[in-house]
Amino acid sequence: MKKLFLNTVIVFFISCLAAFVSLQEGSIRGTVTPPEGAYNVVAFSATDTIKGPINMGNFQITGVKPGTYKVLIAAHAPYKDVVRDGVVIANGNVVDLGEIQLPR
């Protein structure tokens, strides 16, 4: 009985470790044009929200958990916010949204 319990604990520990290792965080980056037109970027998923600043038109949000995100570029007036849907983070990848033109 003791051996069965020990084996169960070992299998559980290995399963937890494997699940932890497989959840590598990624990042989202891009460039906003015009550079002074936006001040913040926010990524939303069903379970997570993470934000980052925009510096001289460039942004990068790090520590993004695996999942599908909606990314909001928050703009200064007279520009309008921009949303990108379906941004997928998996296996620690870096998603480059490229150049995002802010509409007026």
Protein backbone atom coordinates (compact mmCIF):
# COMPACT_ATOMS: atom_id res chain seq x y z
CA MET A 1 0.00 0.00 0.00
CA LYS A 2 2.85 2.34 0.89
CA LYS A 3 4.55 1.65 -2.44
CA LEU A 4 1.34 2.38 -4.38
CA PHE A 5 0.94 5.70 -2.57
CA LEU A 6 4.56 6.65 -3.26
CA ASN A 7 4.19 5.77 -6.96
CA THR A 8 1.00 7.84 -7.17
CA VAL A 9 2.75 10.85 -5.60
CA ILE A 10 5.69 10.52 -8.01
CA VAL A 11 3.41 10.30 -11.07
CA PHE A 12 1.44 13.32 -9.84
CA PHE A 13 4.62 15.34 -9.29
CA ILE A 14 5.96 14.48 -12.76
CA SER A 15 2.60 15.41 -14.34
CA CYS A 16 2.57 18.78 -12.58
CA LEU A 17 6.16 19.45 -13.61
CA ALA A 18 5.40 18.59 -17.25
CA ALA A 19 2.36 20.89 -17.25
CA PHE A 20 4.42 23.73 -15.77
CA VAL A 21 7.24 23.34 -18.28
CA SER A 22 4.86 23.26 -21.25
CA LEU A 23 3.31 26.65 -20.37
CA GLN A 24 6.05 28.92 -21.68
CA GLU A 25 5.21 32.59 -21.80
CA GLY A 26 5.54 34.55 -25.02
CA SER A 27 5.40 38.18 -26.07
CA ILE A 28 3.55 40.56 -28.39
CA ARG A 29 5.33 43.40 -30.15
CA GLY A 30 4.74 45.96 -32.86
CA THR A 31 5.08 49.54 -34.02
CA VAL A 32 2.47 52.30 -34.00
CA THR A 33 2.34 55.04 -36.64
CA PRO A 34 2.38 57.94 -35.92
CA PRO A 35 4.59 57.25 -32.89
CA GLU A 36 3.01 59.98 -30.74
CA GLY A 37 -0.53 58.78 -31.53
CA ALA A 38 -0.85 56.05 -28.89
CA TYR A 39 0.08 55.68 -25.24
CA ASN A 40 -0.73 52.12 -24.15
CA VAL A 41 -1.21 48.56 -25.40
CA VAL A 42 -3.41 46.00 -23.63
CA ALA A 43 -3.81 42.29 -24.40
CA PHE A 44 -7.00 40.53 -23.18
CA SER A 45 -7.79 36.82 -23.08
CA ALA A 46 -10.54 34.89 -21.32
CA THR A 47 -8.30 34.51 -18.27
CA ASP A 48 -5.59 37.18 -18.48
CA THR A 49 -5.07 40.90 -19.04
CA ILE A 50 -1.61 42.36 -19.52
CA LYS A 51 -0.52 45.88 -20.50
CA GLY A 52 2.53 47.69 -21.66
CA PRO A 53 3.67 51.17 -22.63
CA ILE A 54 4.31 52.46 -26.12
CA ASN A 55 7.70 54.13 -26.36
CA MET A 56 8.52 56.18 -29.47
CA GLY A 57 5.95 54.13 -31.39
CA ASN A 58 7.32 50.73 -30.32
CA PHE A 59 5.77 48.29 -27.87
CA GLN A 60 6.48 44.85 -26.49
CA ILE A 61 4.41 43.03 -23.90
CA THR A 62 6.37 40.19 -22.28
CA GLY A 63 5.25 37.42 -19.95
CA VAL A 64 2.15 36.65 -22.01
CA LYS A 65 0.65 33.27 -21.08
CA PRO A 66 -0.35 30.87 -23.87
CA GLY A 67 -3.79 31.60 -25.28
CA THR A 68 -5.72 33.70 -27.77
CA TYR A 69 -5.74 37.45 -27.16
CA LYS A 70 -7.45 40.62 -28.30
CA VAL A 71 -4.88 43.43 -28.45
CA LEU A 72 -6.00 47.05 -27.96
CA ILE A 73 -3.81 50.00 -28.95
CA ALA A 74 -5.09 52.95 -26.88
CA ALA A 75 -4.75 56.16 -28.88
CA HIS A 76 -4.58 59.87 -28.10
CA ALA A 77 -7.17 62.13 -29.78
CA PRO A 78 -7.59 62.82 -32.67
CA TYR A 79 -6.55 59.22 -33.40
CA LYS A 80 -8.78 56.21 -32.76
CA ASP A 81 -8.04 53.02 -30.85
CA VAL A 82 -7.12 49.94 -32.88
CA VAL A 83 -8.02 46.34 -31.96
CA ARG A 84 -6.39 43.17 -33.32
CA ASP A 85 -8.35 39.96 -32.63
CA GLY A 86 -7.10 36.39 -32.62
CA VAL A 87 -3.50 36.95 -31.54
CA VAL A 88 -2.28 33.48 -30.53
CA ILE A 89 0.55 32.91 -28.06
CA ALA A 90 1.89 29.34 -27.87
CA ASN A 91 5.14 27.72 -26.74
CA GLY A 92 6.88 30.97 -25.82
CA ASN A 93 6.57 32.50 -29.28
CA VAL A 94 6.94 36.19 -30.11
CA VAL A 95 4.07 37.57 -32.18
CA ASP A 96 5.00 40.63 -34.23
CA LEU A 97 1.91 42.67 -35.16
CA GLY A 98 4.04 44.77 -37.51
CA GLU A 99 3.21 48.39 -38.19
CA ILE A 100 -0.18 49.52 -36.98
CA GLN A 101 -1.52 52.69 -38.61
CA LEU A 102 -3.77 54.70 -36.31
CA PRO A 103 -6.88 56.04 -38.04
CA ARG A 104 -8.25 59.51 -37.35
